[in-house]
Amino acid sequence: MVEAGVIGASGYGGGELLRLLIRHPDVNLTAAVSSTYAGKPLAAAFPGMAKRTDLSFTGSLDTNLSLDVVFLAQSNGKAMTQAADFVRMGTRVVDLSADFRFRDPGIYKQWYAADHASPELNAAAVYGLPELNGAAIRGAEVVGNPGCYATASILGLAPLVASGLCAPGSILIDAKSGVSGAGRASFGLDYHYPERNENLSAYKVAGTHRHTPEIEQALSGLGAGDIALSFTPHLIPMTRGIMATCYATVPRTASAADLLGLYRTFYRDAPFVEVVDGLPSTKDTLASNLCAIGLALDSRVSRVTVVSVIDNLIKGAAGQAVQNMNLMFGLDETAGLDGPGVWP
């Protein structure tokens, strides 16, 4: 059994981690750390766990615990000060913040306004997108779990970029997310129900959203040279789910059938990517670790539209973290994650 702990366990991402780990057949959840709920049972934060576990939150991690893996589900800037200590103790780390997502610590400083506290460990960390980096994740001591927008966008575009079929400078991403992506502690005006209900708004546009360099880094690593793209995120009045609608120019000789075949070949060994006929909707992946992808070709202008949908809290956060853990410990990649989505 893999002995696991979660730090930052009472947020939305941490709560989904607890839910997935408690039912995981190969994991013993040993510790759940939350300063807000310290000393209280997990059900105090997540009532649905009342009869699933006797575990209580602690305010800090017991240093006497021998953990195989720790999930860091905290705000940016904390994991990079903690991860090295865990690695020295022989504990592997899956970080759900942005601290270990960038190969170049200078990019982290540019976008997160802080020097990286552990640049050497950052250099050895692996970007945790299993569909692209599965082999490297298996041997990693530290995995930087991707952002939710980045996951949907990268998976939606990777086959096109890797094949060289799209013009790199033509890539546009129009993405929409439910409000749970902001986290449980966000109490800004934009997240009040009267402000968000029956409302749709773009934010951090024109290359200012922090997931932009993350998407560019991953796609640039697929062999097509440096990628620069336009990414526009939106908040929509629903709790969870992400849709990334991606546009790119392709050769005039490309057909929709050829492109669909390309995607199905690229993801033939990816258990959590489903390439569908038609176009998916966010509810297709609700509460699952799936990414559903569909596409359509506008031959008039030689432009393909790729629609990629995920649950932002599962494949976009906790589910992907568990998928990474499975790879790190030689478990079945789908262990604890093979449930279908929720419908309706």
C-alpha atoms as a PDB file:
ATOM      1  CA  MET A   1       0.000   0.000   0.000  1.00  0.00           C
ATOM      2  CA  VAL A   2       1.110   3.537  -0.755  1.00  0.00           C
ATOM      3  CA  GLU A   3       1.093   5.690   2.391  1.00  0.00           C
ATOM      4  CA  ALA A   4      -0.207   9.131   1.392  1.00  0.00           C
ATOM      5  CA  GLY A   5      -0.788  12.523   2.956  1.00  0.00           C
ATOM      6  CA  VAL A   6      -2.466  15.700   1.712  1.00  0.00           C
ATOM      7  CA  ILE A   7      -1.440  19.203   2.793  1.00  0.00           C
ATOM      8  CA  GLY A   8      -4.004  21.875   2.024  1.00  0.00           C
ATOM      9  CA  ALA A   9      -6.699  19.258   2.267  1.00  0.00           C
ATOM     10  CA  SER A  10      -9.759  21.409   2.909  1.00  0.00           C
ATOM     11  CA  GLY A  11      -9.798  23.329  -0.380  1.00  0.00           C
ATOM     12  CA  TYR A  12     -11.716  22.129  -3.423  1.00  0.00           C
ATOM     13  CA  GLY A  13      -8.685  20.385  -4.943  1.00  0.00           C
ATOM     14  CA  GLY A  14      -7.726  18.907  -1.590  1.00  0.00           C
ATOM     15  CA  GLY A  15     -11.265  17.696  -0.992  1.00  0.00           C
ATOM     16  CA  GLU A  16     -11.343  15.873  -4.313  1.00  0.00           C
ATOM     17  CA  LEU A  17      -7.954  14.351  -3.499  1.00  0.00           C
ATOM     18  CA  LEU A  18      -9.316  13.034  -0.205  1.00  0.00           C
ATOM     19  CA  ARG A  19     -12.374  11.595  -1.937  1.00  0.00           C
ATOM     20  CA  LEU A  20     -10.265   9.826  -4.564  1.00  0.00           C
ATOM     21  CA  LEU A  21      -7.577   8.574  -2.184  1.00  0.00           C
ATOM     22  CA  ILE A  22     -10.010   7.211   0.406  1.00  0.00           C
ATOM     23  CA  ARG A  23     -11.499   4.857  -2.170  1.00  0.00           C
ATOM     24  CA  HIS A  24      -8.214   4.069  -3.946  1.00  0.00           C
ATOM     25  CA  PRO A  25      -7.510   0.309  -3.727  1.00  0.00           C
ATOM     26  CA  ASP A  26      -3.735   0.745  -3.326  1.00  0.00           C
ATOM     27  CA  VAL A  27      -3.550   3.765  -0.995  1.00  0.00           C
ATOM     28  CA  ASN A  28      -3.697   4.247   2.742  1.00  0.00           C
ATOM     29  CA  LEU A  29      -4.569   7.890   3.432  1.00  0.00           C
ATOM     30  CA  THR A  30      -2.574   8.645   6.568  1.00  0.00           C
ATOM     31  CA  ALA A  31      -2.731  12.417   6.981  1.00  0.00           C
ATOM     32  CA  ALA A  32      -4.899  15.371   5.958  1.00  0.00           C
ATOM     33  CA  VAL A  33      -3.535  18.777   6.922  1.00  0.00           C
ATOM     34  CA  SER A  34      -5.689  21.908   7.161  1.00  0.00           C
ATOM     35  CA  SER A  35      -5.104  24.886   9.421  1.00  0.00           C
ATOM     36  CA  THR A  36      -8.773  25.873   9.063  1.00  0.00           C
ATOM     37  CA  TYR A  37     -10.199  22.526  10.203  1.00  0.00           C
ATOM     38  CA  ALA A  38      -7.395  21.252  12.470  1.00  0.00           C
ATOM     39  CA  GLY A  39      -8.732  18.789  15.040  1.00  0.00           C
ATOM     40  CA  LYS A  40     -12.006  18.271  13.207  1.00  0.00           C
ATOM     41  CA  PRO A  41     -13.109  15.202  11.226  1.00  0.00           C
ATOM     42  CA  LEU A  42     -12.943  15.313   7.448  1.00  0.00           C
ATOM     43  CA  ALA A  43     -16.724  15.451   7.406  1.00  0.00           C
ATOM     44  CA  ALA A  44     -16.575  18.925   8.955  1.00  0.00           C
ATOM     45  CA  ALA A  45     -15.325  20.220   5.618  1.00  0.00           C
ATOM     46  CA  PHE A  46     -16.830  17.550   3.358  1.00  0.00           C
ATOM     47  CA  PRO A  47     -20.036  16.069   4.839  1.00  0.00           C
ATOM     48  CA  GLY A  48     -20.125  13.231   2.319  1.00  0.00           C
ATOM     49  CA  MET A  49     -17.140  11.610   4.035  1.00  0.00           C
ATOM     50  CA  ALA A  50     -18.958  11.098   7.341  1.00  0.00           C
ATOM     51  CA  LYS A  51     -19.079   7.313   7.047  1.00  0.00           C
ATOM     52  CA  ARG A  52     -16.080   6.791   4.780  1.00  0.00           C
ATOM     53  CA  THR A  53     -13.217   7.551   7.186  1.00  0.00           C
ATOM     54  CA  ASP A  54     -12.403   8.233  10.836  1.00  0.00           C
ATOM     55  CA  LEU A  55      -9.479  10.460   9.870  1.00  0.00           C
ATOM     56  CA  SER A  56      -9.361  14.004  11.272  1.00  0.00           C
ATOM     57  CA  PHE A  57      -7.558  17.057   9.966  1.00  0.00           C
ATOM     58  CA  THR A  58      -4.330  18.066  11.657  1.00  0.00           C
ATOM     59  CA  GLY A  59      -2.809  21.537  11.717  1.00  0.00           C
ATOM     60  CA  SER A  60       0.595  20.268  10.563  1.00  0.00           C
ATOM     61  CA  LEU A  61       2.133  17.068   9.308  1.00  0.00           C
ATOM     62  CA  ASP A  62       3.382  14.664  11.973  1.00  0.00           C
ATOM     63  CA  THR A  63       7.124  14.342  11.317  1.00  0.00           C
ATOM     64  CA  ASN A  64       7.052  10.791  12.692  1.00  0.00           C
ATOM     65  CA  LEU A  65       4.852   9.635   9.828  1.00  0.00           C
ATOM     66  CA  SER A  66       6.554   7.621   7.108  1.00  0.00           C
ATOM     67  CA  LEU A  67       4.834   8.710   3.897  1.00  0.00           C
ATOM     68  CA  ASP A  68       5.502   7.396   0.426  1.00  0.00           C
ATOM     69  CA  VAL A  69       3.884  10.406  -1.239  1.00  0.00           C
ATOM     70  CA  VAL A  70       2.579  13.787  -0.192  1.00  0.00           C
ATOM     71  CA  PHE A  71       0.189  15.902  -2.211  1.00  0.00           C
ATOM     72  CA  LEU A  72       0.696  19.648  -1.775  1.00  0.00           C
ATOM     73  CA  ALA A  73      -2.617  21.371  -2.521  1.00  0.00           C
ATOM     74  CA  GLN A  74      -1.750  24.865  -1.361  1.00  0.00           C
ATOM     75  CA  SER A  75      -1.418  28.330  -2.842  1.00  0.00           C
ATOM     76  CA  ASN A  76       1.539  29.189  -5.053  1.00  0.00           C
ATOM     77  CA  GLY A  77       4.847  29.795  -3.307  1.00  0.00           C
ATOM     78  CA  LYS A  78       4.520  27.242  -0.496  1.00  0.00           C
ATOM     79  CA  ALA A  79       5.479  23.950  -2.139  1.00  0.00           C
ATOM     80  CA  MET A  80       8.862  25.205  -3.314  1.00  0.00           C
ATOM     81  CA  THR A  81       9.860  25.822   0.333  1.00  0.00           C
ATOM     82  CA  GLN A  82       8.640  22.382   1.481  1.00  0.00           C
ATOM     83  CA  ALA A  83       9.339  19.851  -1.251  1.00  0.00           C
ATOM     84  CA  ALA A  84      13.079  19.466  -0.671  1.00  0.00           C
ATOM     85  CA  ASP A  85      12.509  18.360   2.927  1.00  0.00           C
ATOM     86  CA  PHE A  86      10.115  15.651   1.782  1.00  0.00           C
ATOM     87  CA  VAL A  87      12.493  14.442  -0.903  1.00  0.00           C
ATOM     88  CA  ARG A  88      15.310  14.177   1.669  1.00  0.00           C
ATOM     89  CA  MET A  89      13.018  11.973   3.773  1.00  0.00           C
ATOM     90  CA  GLY A  90      12.355   9.700   0.793  1.00  0.00           C
ATOM     91  CA  THR A  91       8.826  11.008   0.254  1.00  0.00           C
ATOM     92  CA  ARG A  92       7.774  11.721  -3.300  1.00  0.00           C
ATOM     93  CA  VAL A  93       5.857  14.921  -4.023  1.00  0.00           C
ATOM     94  CA  VAL A  94       2.935  15.809  -6.262  1.00  0.00           C
ATOM     95  CA  ASP A  95       2.417  19.567  -6.190  1.00  0.00           C
ATOM     96  CA  LEU A  96      -0.913  21.010  -7.335  1.00  0.00           C
ATOM     97  CA  SER A  97       0.307  24.626  -7.345  1.00  0.00           C
ATOM     98  CA  ALA A  98       2.391  26.284 -10.072  1.00  0.00           C
ATOM     99  CA  ASP A  99       5.698  25.952  -8.188  1.00  0.00           C
ATOM    100  CA  PHE A 100       7.131  23.062 -10.218  1.00  0.00           C
ATOM    101  CA  ARG A 101       5.457  23.551 -13.599  1.00  0.00           C
ATOM    102  CA  PHE A 102       8.149  25.569 -15.350  1.00  0.00           C
ATOM    103  CA  ARG A 103      11.537  24.308 -16.472  1.00  0.00           C
ATOM    104  CA  ASP A 104      12.938  27.836 -16.365  1.00  0.00           C
ATOM    105  CA  PRO A 105      12.661  29.432 -12.891  1.00  0.00           C
ATOM    106  CA  GLY A 106      12.913  32.798 -14.608  1.00  0.00           C
ATOM    107  CA  ILE A 107       9.500  32.198 -16.175  1.00  0.00           C
ATOM    108  CA  TYR A 108       8.095  31.428 -12.737  1.00  0.00           C
ATOM    109  CA  LYS A 109       9.514  34.703 -11.433  1.00  0.00           C
ATOM    110  CA  GLN A 110       8.120  36.627 -14.400  1.00  0.00           C
ATOM    111  CA  TRP A 111       4.569  35.322 -13.944  1.00  0.00           C
ATOM    112  CA  TYR A 112       4.385  34.755 -10.182  1.00  0.00           C
ATOM    113  CA  ALA A 113       6.550  37.680  -9.003  1.00  0.00           C
ATOM    114  CA  ALA A 114       8.830  35.587  -6.784  1.00  0.00           C
ATOM    115  CA  ASP A 115      12.254  33.979  -7.006  1.00  0.00           C
ATOM    116  CA  HIS A 116      12.058  30.202  -7.002  1.00  0.00           C
ATOM    117  CA  ALA A 117      13.160  28.946  -3.588  1.00  0.00           C
ATOM    118  CA  SER A 118      14.338  25.561  -4.867  1.00  0.00           C
ATOM    119  CA  PRO A 119      15.762  25.943  -8.392  1.00  0.00           C
ATOM    120  CA  GLU A 120      17.798  22.718  -8.317  1.00  0.00           C
ATOM    121  CA  LEU A 121      14.798  20.623  -7.358  1.00  0.00           C
ATOM    122  CA  ASN A 122      12.727  22.496  -9.915  1.00  0.00           C
ATOM    123  CA  ALA A 123      15.221  21.474 -12.603  1.00  0.00           C
ATOM    124  CA  ALA A 124      14.658  17.814 -11.716  1.00  0.00           C
ATOM    125  CA  ALA A 125      10.865  18.065 -11.408  1.00  0.00           C
ATOM    126  CA  VAL A 126       8.625  16.634 -14.128  1.00  0.00           C
ATOM    127  CA  TYR A 127       5.616  18.369 -15.631  1.00  0.00           C
ATOM    128  CA  GLY A 128       2.778  16.041 -14.719  1.00  0.00           C
ATOM    129  CA  LEU A 129       0.768  15.623 -17.907  1.00  0.00           C
ATOM    130  CA  PRO A 130       0.735  11.813 -18.229  1.00  0.00           C
ATOM    131  CA  GLU A 131      -0.368  11.775 -21.853  1.00  0.00           C
ATOM    132  CA  LEU A 132       2.860  13.557 -22.842  1.00  0.00           C
ATOM    133  CA  ASN A 133       5.329  12.769 -20.030  1.00  0.00           C
ATOM    134  CA  GLY A 134       4.310   9.358 -18.700  1.00  0.00           C
ATOM    135  CA  ALA A 135       7.775   7.781 -18.857  1.00  0.00           C
ATOM    136  CA  ALA A 136       9.457  10.670 -17.033  1.00  0.00           C
ATOM    137  CA  ILE A 137       6.712  10.799 -14.386  1.00  0.00           C
ATOM    138  CA  ARG A 138       7.392   7.166 -13.462  1.00  0.00           C
ATOM    139  CA  GLY A 139      10.867   8.035 -12.218  1.00  0.00           C
ATOM    140  CA  ALA A 140      10.143  11.462 -10.769  1.00  0.00           C
ATOM    141  CA  GLU A 141      10.644  12.504  -7.169  1.00  0.00           C
ATOM    142  CA  VAL A 142       8.686  15.732  -7.698  1.00  0.00           C
ATOM    143  CA  VAL A 143       5.820  16.218 -10.149  1.00  0.00           C
ATOM    144  CA  GLY A 144       4.311  19.593 -10.957  1.00  0.00           C
ATOM    145  CA  ASN A 145       0.629  18.964 -11.582  1.00  0.00           C
ATOM    146  CA  PRO A 146      -0.590  21.037 -14.565  1.00  0.00           C
ATOM    147  CA  GLY A 147      -3.116  23.836 -14.355  1.00  0.00           C
ATOM    148  CA  CYS A 148      -6.716  23.106 -15.300  1.00  0.00           C
ATOM    149  CA  TYR A 149      -6.959  25.415 -18.321  1.00  0.00           C
ATOM    150  CA  ALA A 150      -3.527  24.211 -19.418  1.00  0.00           C
ATOM    151  CA  THR A 151      -4.555  20.547 -19.269  1.00  0.00           C
ATOM    152  CA  ALA A 152      -7.604  21.004 -21.478  1.00  0.00           C
ATOM    153  CA  SER A 153      -5.769  23.268 -23.920  1.00  0.00           C
ATOM    154  CA  ILE A 154      -2.593  21.214 -24.264  1.00  0.00           C
ATOM    155  CA  LEU A 155      -4.470  17.946 -24.760  1.00  0.00           C
ATOM    156  CA  GLY A 156      -6.685  19.648 -27.320  1.00  0.00           C
ATOM    157  CA  LEU A 157      -3.744  20.906 -29.375  1.00  0.00           C
ATOM    158  CA  ALA A 158      -0.912  18.402 -28.843  1.00  0.00           C
ATOM    159  CA  PRO A 159      -1.647  16.102 -31.820  1.00  0.00           C
ATOM    160  CA  LEU A 160      -1.790  19.047 -34.217  1.00  0.00           C
ATOM    161  CA  VAL A 161       1.433  20.590 -32.954  1.00  0.00           C
ATOM    162  CA  ALA A 162       3.366  17.309 -32.682  1.00  0.00           C
ATOM    163  CA  SER A 163       2.436  16.346 -36.249  1.00  0.00           C
ATOM    164  CA  GLY A 164       3.443  19.724 -37.648  1.00  0.00           C
ATOM    165  CA  LEU A 165       0.036  20.065 -39.278  1.00  0.00           C
ATOM    166  CA  CYS A 166      -0.889  23.434 -37.802  1.00  0.00           C
ATOM    167  CA  ALA A 167       0.701  26.825 -38.345  1.00  0.00           C
ATOM    168  CA  PRO A 168       2.201  27.624 -34.905  1.00  0.00           C
ATOM    169  CA  GLY A 169       1.415  31.329 -35.124  1.00  0.00           C
ATOM    170  CA  SER A 170      -2.256  30.664 -35.848  1.00  0.00           C
ATOM    171  CA  ILE A 171      -3.224  29.074 -32.536  1.00  0.00           C
ATOM    172  CA  LEU A 172      -6.040  30.696 -30.566  1.00  0.00           C
ATOM    173  CA  ILE A 173      -7.663  29.303 -27.407  1.00  0.00           C
ATOM    174  CA  ASP A 174     -11.037  30.442 -26.102  1.00  0.00           C
ATOM    175  CA  ALA A 175     -11.613  28.735 -22.749  1.00  0.00           C
ATOM    176  CA  LYS A 176     -14.438  28.779 -20.209  1.00  0.00           C
ATOM    177  CA  SER A 177     -14.409  27.542 -16.633  1.00  0.00           C
ATOM    178  CA  GLY A 178     -16.786  27.017 -13.762  1.00  0.00           C
ATOM    179  CA  VAL A 179     -16.075  29.106 -10.667  1.00  0.00           C
ATOM    180  CA  SER A 180     -14.712  26.263  -8.509  1.00  0.00           C
ATOM    181  CA  GLY A 181     -11.442  26.691 -10.398  1.00  0.00           C
ATOM    182  CA  ALA A 182     -10.747  29.775  -8.284  1.00  0.00           C
ATOM    183  CA  GLY A 183     -10.628  27.674  -5.113  1.00  0.00           C
ATOM    184  CA  ARG A 184     -12.661  27.546  -1.946  1.00  0.00           C
ATOM    185  CA  ALA A 185     -11.030  30.573  -0.324  1.00  0.00           C
ATOM    186  CA  SER A 186     -11.868  33.054  -3.101  1.00  0.00           C
ATOM    187  CA  PHE A 187     -14.408  35.532  -1.822  1.00  0.00           C
ATOM    188  CA  GLY A 188     -13.952  38.328  -4.365  1.00  0.00           C
ATOM    189  CA  LEU A 189     -16.957  40.112  -5.780  1.00  0.00           C
ATOM    190  CA  ASP A 190     -16.731  38.194  -9.065  1.00  0.00           C
ATOM    191  CA  TYR A 191     -17.536  34.971  -7.193  1.00  0.00           C
ATOM    192  CA  HIS A 192     -20.651  36.173  -5.363  1.00  0.00           C
ATOM    193  CA  TYR A 193     -23.725  34.393  -6.662  1.00  0.00           C
ATOM    194  CA  PRO A 194     -25.621  37.533  -7.792  1.00  0.00           C
ATOM    195  CA  GLU A 195     -22.563  38.675  -9.750  1.00  0.00           C
ATOM    196  CA  ARG A 196     -21.841  35.339 -11.398  1.00  0.00           C
ATOM    197  CA  ASN A 197     -25.353  33.987 -12.021  1.00  0.00           C
ATOM    198  CA  GLU A 198     -26.656  34.608 -15.556  1.00  0.00           C
ATOM    199  CA  ASN A 199     -23.351  36.244 -16.414  1.00  0.00           C
ATOM    200  CA  LEU A 200     -20.363  35.472 -18.634  1.00  0.00           C
ATOM    201  CA  SER A 201     -17.127  37.423 -18.457  1.00  0.00           C
ATOM    202  CA  ALA A 202     -13.629  37.282 -19.890  1.00  0.00           C
ATOM    203  CA  TYR A 203     -10.679  37.980 -17.614  1.00  0.00           C
ATOM    204  CA  LYS A 204      -6.871  38.205 -17.773  1.00  0.00           C
ATOM    205  CA  VAL A 205      -6.997  38.583 -21.558  1.00  0.00           C
ATOM    206  CA  ALA A 206      -4.327  39.500 -24.137  1.00  0.00           C
ATOM    207  CA  GLY A 207      -1.648  37.135 -22.855  1.00  0.00           C
ATOM    208  CA  THR A 208      -1.898  38.010 -19.162  1.00  0.00           C
ATOM    209  CA  HIS A 209      -3.268  34.737 -17.718  1.00  0.00           C
ATOM    210  CA  ARG A 210      -0.687  32.615 -15.903  1.00  0.00           C
ATOM    211  CA  HIS A 211      -1.596  29.461 -17.778  1.00  0.00           C
ATOM    212  CA  THR A 212      -0.470  31.040 -21.072  1.00  0.00           C
ATOM    213  CA  PRO A 213       3.276  30.331 -20.604  1.00  0.00           C
ATOM    214  CA  GLU A 214       2.470  26.871 -19.254  1.00  0.00           C
ATOM    215  CA  ILE A 215       0.562  25.977 -22.420  1.00  0.00           C
ATOM    216  CA  GLU A 216       3.269  27.490 -24.607  1.00  0.00           C
ATOM    217  CA  GLN A 217       6.015  25.565 -22.781  1.00  0.00           C
ATOM    218  CA  ALA A 218       4.299  22.199 -23.200  1.00  0.00           C
ATOM    219  CA  LEU A 219       3.440  22.705 -26.854  1.00  0.00           C
ATOM    220  CA  SER A 220       6.902  24.079 -27.658  1.00  0.00           C
ATOM    221  CA  GLY A 221       8.344  20.837 -26.305  1.00  0.00           C
ATOM    222  CA  LEU A 222       6.620  18.805 -29.015  1.00  0.00           C
ATOM    223  CA  GLY A 223       9.188  19.614 -31.674  1.00  0.00           C
ATOM    224  CA  ALA A 224       7.547  22.405 -33.658  1.00  0.00           C
ATOM    225  CA  GLY A 225       9.753  25.171 -32.249  1.00  0.00           C
ATOM    226  CA  ASP A 226       8.744  27.946 -29.918  1.00  0.00           C
ATOM    227  CA  ILE A 227       4.980  28.405 -29.737  1.00  0.00           C
ATOM    228  CA  ALA A 228       3.344  31.735 -28.931  1.00  0.00           C
ATOM    229  CA  LEU A 229      -0.436  31.765 -28.792  1.00  0.00           C
ATOM    230  CA  SER A 230      -3.448  33.784 -27.733  1.00  0.00           C
ATOM    231  CA  PHE A 231      -5.369  32.483 -24.727  1.00  0.00           C
ATOM    232  CA  THR A 232      -8.610  34.017 -23.493  1.00  0.00           C
ATOM    233  CA  PRO A 233     -10.280  32.577 -20.361  1.00  0.00           C
ATOM    234  CA  HIS A 234     -13.869  33.195 -19.250  1.00  0.00           C
ATOM    235  CA  LEU A 235     -15.874  32.544 -16.086  1.00  0.00           C
ATOM    236  CA  ILE A 236     -19.258  30.951 -16.640  1.00  0.00           C
ATOM    237  CA  PRO A 237     -22.129  30.487 -14.163  1.00  0.00           C
ATOM    238  CA  MET A 238     -21.598  26.840 -13.280  1.00  0.00           C
ATOM    239  CA  THR A 239     -19.715  25.117 -10.488  1.00  0.00           C
ATOM    240  CA  ARG A 240     -17.255  22.916 -12.347  1.00  0.00           C
ATOM    241  CA  GLY A 241     -16.044  22.050 -15.803  1.00  0.00           C
ATOM    242  CA  ILE A 242     -13.766  23.541 -18.465  1.00  0.00           C
ATOM    243  CA  MET A 243     -14.210  23.842 -22.210  1.00  0.00           C
ATOM    244  CA  ALA A 244     -11.204  24.909 -24.272  1.00  0.00           C
ATOM    245  CA  THR A 245     -12.174  25.780 -27.845  1.00  0.00           C
ATOM    246  CA  CYS A 246      -8.929  25.823 -29.822  1.00  0.00           C
ATOM    247  CA  TYR A 247      -8.422  27.175 -33.339  1.00  0.00           C
ATOM    248  CA  ALA A 248      -5.508  26.607 -35.719  1.00  0.00           C
ATOM    249  CA  THR A 249      -4.781  26.901 -39.432  1.00  0.00           C
ATOM    250  CA  VAL A 250      -4.056  23.599 -41.178  1.00  0.00           C
ATOM    251  CA  PRO A 251      -3.027  22.702 -44.748  1.00  0.00           C
ATOM    252  CA  ARG A 252      -5.715  22.944 -47.401  1.00  0.00           C
ATOM    253  CA  THR A 253      -5.160  19.258 -48.139  1.00  0.00           C
ATOM    254  CA  ALA A 254      -6.260  18.269 -44.612  1.00  0.00           C
ATOM    255  CA  SER A 255      -9.645  16.608 -44.183  1.00  0.00           C
ATOM    256  CA  ALA A 256     -11.768  16.265 -41.086  1.00  0.00           C
ATOM    257  CA  ALA A 257     -11.467  12.478 -41.296  1.00  0.00           C
ATOM    258  CA  ASP A 258      -7.669  12.697 -41.470  1.00  0.00           C
ATOM    259  CA  LEU A 259      -7.524  14.992 -38.453  1.00  0.00           C
ATOM    260  CA  LEU A 260      -9.853  12.792 -36.440  1.00  0.00           C
ATOM    261  CA  GLY A 261      -7.686   9.801 -37.315  1.00  0.00           C
ATOM    262  CA  LEU A 262      -4.583  11.717 -36.238  1.00  0.00           C
ATOM    263  CA  TYR A 263      -6.114  12.428 -32.819  1.00  0.00           C
ATOM    264  CA  ARG A 264      -7.257   8.848 -32.307  1.00  0.00           C
ATOM    265  CA  THR A 265      -3.822   7.497 -33.164  1.00  0.00           C
ATOM    266  CA  PHE A 266      -2.066  10.024 -30.919  1.00  0.00           C
ATOM    267  CA  TYR A 267      -4.233   9.104 -27.919  1.00  0.00           C
ATOM    268  CA  ARG A 268      -4.726   5.407 -28.602  1.00  0.00           C
ATOM    269  CA  ASP A 269      -2.836   4.447 -25.425  1.00  0.00           C
ATOM    270  CA  ALA A 270      -4.220   7.257 -23.247  1.00  0.00           C
ATOM    271  CA  PRO A 271      -6.875   5.752 -20.955  1.00  0.00           C
ATOM    272  CA  PHE A 272      -8.376   9.104 -19.987  1.00  0.00           C
ATOM    273  CA  VAL A 273      -8.611  10.824 -23.365  1.00  0.00           C
ATOM    274  CA  GLU A 274     -11.638  10.081 -25.495  1.00  0.00           C
ATOM    275  CA  VAL A 275     -11.752  11.406 -29.059  1.00  0.00           C
ATOM    276  CA  VAL A 276     -15.424  11.627 -29.939  1.00  0.00           C
ATOM    277  CA  ASP A 277     -17.527  12.005 -33.032  1.00  0.00           C
ATOM    278  CA  GLY A 278     -19.105  15.427 -32.973  1.00  0.00           C
ATOM    279  CA  LEU A 279     -18.328  17.929 -30.233  1.00  0.00           C
ATOM    280  CA  PRO A 280     -18.285  17.205 -26.478  1.00  0.00           C
ATOM    281  CA  SER A 281     -19.894  19.246 -23.716  1.00  0.00           C
ATOM    282  CA  THR A 282     -18.654  19.843 -20.192  1.00  0.00           C
ATOM    283  CA  LYS A 283     -21.196  17.515 -18.640  1.00  0.00           C
ATOM    284  CA  ASP A 284     -19.695  14.612 -20.598  1.00  0.00           C
ATOM    285  CA  THR A 285     -16.759  14.583 -18.168  1.00  0.00           C
ATOM    286  CA  LEU A 286     -18.400  15.820 -14.953  1.00  0.00           C
ATOM    287  CA  ALA A 287     -16.779  14.246 -11.849  1.00  0.00           C
ATOM    288  CA  SER A 288     -14.537  12.022 -13.990  1.00  0.00           C
ATOM    289  CA  ASN A 289     -10.857  12.024 -14.947  1.00  0.00           C
ATOM    290  CA  LEU A 290     -11.716  12.033 -18.639  1.00  0.00           C
ATOM    291  CA  CYS A 291     -10.778  14.567 -21.265  1.00  0.00           C
ATOM    292  CA  ALA A 292     -13.191  14.453 -24.210  1.00  0.00           C
ATOM    293  CA  ILE A 293     -12.048  15.942 -27.509  1.00  0.00           C
ATOM    294  CA  GLY A 294     -13.927  16.601 -30.742  1.00  0.00           C
ATOM    295  CA  LEU A 295     -13.147  18.670 -33.804  1.00  0.00           C
ATOM    296  CA  ALA A 296     -14.592  20.255 -36.930  1.00  0.00           C
ATOM    297  CA  LEU A 297     -12.843  21.603 -40.030  1.00  0.00           C
ATOM    298  CA  ASP A 298     -13.785  24.787 -41.843  1.00  0.00           C
ATOM    299  CA  SER A 299     -12.293  24.013 -45.255  1.00  0.00           C
ATOM    300  CA  ARG A 300     -13.207  27.496 -46.555  1.00  0.00           C
ATOM    301  CA  VAL A 301     -10.468  29.054 -44.438  1.00  0.00           C
ATOM    302  CA  SER A 302      -8.396  25.907 -43.686  1.00  0.00           C
ATOM    303  CA  ARG A 303      -9.020  26.253 -39.973  1.00  0.00           C
ATOM    304  CA  VAL A 304      -9.753  23.469 -37.503  1.00  0.00           C
ATOM    305  CA  THR A 305     -11.798  23.976 -34.348  1.00  0.00           C
ATOM    306  CA  VAL A 306     -10.912  21.566 -31.545  1.00  0.00           C
ATOM    307  CA  VAL A 307     -13.163  21.349 -28.487  1.00  0.00           C
ATOM    308  CA  SER A 308     -11.570  19.859 -25.364  1.00  0.00           C
ATOM    309  CA  VAL A 309     -13.520  19.403 -22.120  1.00  0.00           C
ATOM    310  CA  ILE A 310     -12.526  18.280 -18.623  1.00  0.00           C
ATOM    311  CA  ASP A 311     -13.738  18.505 -15.053  1.00  0.00           C
ATOM    312  CA  ASN A 312     -11.435  21.208 -13.686  1.00  0.00           C
ATOM    313  CA  LEU A 313     -11.293  19.601 -10.221  1.00  0.00           C
ATOM    314  CA  ILE A 314     -10.580  16.066 -11.441  1.00  0.00           C
ATOM    315  CA  LYS A 315      -8.558  15.844 -14.666  1.00  0.00           C
ATOM    316  CA  GLY A 316      -7.688  19.501 -14.096  1.00  0.00           C
ATOM    317  CA  ALA A 317      -6.405  18.933 -10.553  1.00  0.00           C
ATOM    318  CA  ALA A 318      -6.971  16.040  -8.113  1.00  0.00           C
ATOM    319  CA  GLY A 319      -7.658  13.226 -10.569  1.00  0.00           C
ATOM    320  CA  GLN A 320      -4.578  14.067 -12.580  1.00  0.00           C
ATOM    321  CA  ALA A 321      -2.536  14.181  -9.361  1.00  0.00           C
ATOM    322  CA  VAL A 322      -3.703  10.648  -8.516  1.00  0.00           C
ATOM    323  CA  GLN A 323      -2.997   9.539 -12.103  1.00  0.00           C
ATOM    324  CA  ASN A 324       0.548  10.867 -11.649  1.00  0.00           C
ATOM    325  CA  MET A 325       0.899   9.041  -8.330  1.00  0.00           C
ATOM    326  CA  ASN A 326      -0.204   5.809  -9.967  1.00  0.00           C
ATOM    327  CA  LEU A 327       2.565   6.147 -12.536  1.00  0.00           C
ATOM    328  CA  MET A 328       5.165   7.112  -9.913  1.00  0.00           C
ATOM    329  CA  PHE A 329       4.510   3.932  -7.913  1.00  0.00           C
ATOM    330  CA  GLY A 330       4.061   1.485 -10.790  1.00  0.00           C
ATOM    331  CA  LEU A 331       0.330   1.092 -10.194  1.00  0.00           C
ATOM    332  CA  ASP A 332      -2.336   0.677 -12.837  1.00  0.00           C
ATOM    333  CA  GLU A 333      -2.663   4.168 -14.302  1.00  0.00           C
ATOM    334  CA  THR A 334      -6.440   4.045 -13.919  1.00  0.00           C
ATOM    335  CA  ALA A 335      -6.478   2.799 -10.305  1.00  0.00           C
ATOM    336  CA  GLY A 336      -8.997   4.735  -8.233  1.00  0.00           C
ATOM    337  CA  LEU A 337     -10.015   6.784 -11.265  1.00  0.00           C
ATOM    338  CA  ASP A 338     -11.985   4.467 -13.497  1.00  0.00           C
ATOM    339  CA  GLY A 339     -15.469   5.686 -12.555  1.00  0.00           C
ATOM    340  CA  PRO A 340     -17.611   7.217 -15.306  1.00  0.00           C
ATOM    341  CA  GLY A 341     -18.837  10.776 -15.264  1.00  0.00           C
ATOM    342  CA  VAL A 342     -22.015  11.861 -13.515  1.00  0.00           C
ATOM    343  CA  TRP A 343     -25.163  12.307 -15.607  1.00  0.00           C
ATOM    344  CA  PRO A 344     -27.417  14.259 -15.570  1.00  0.00           C
END
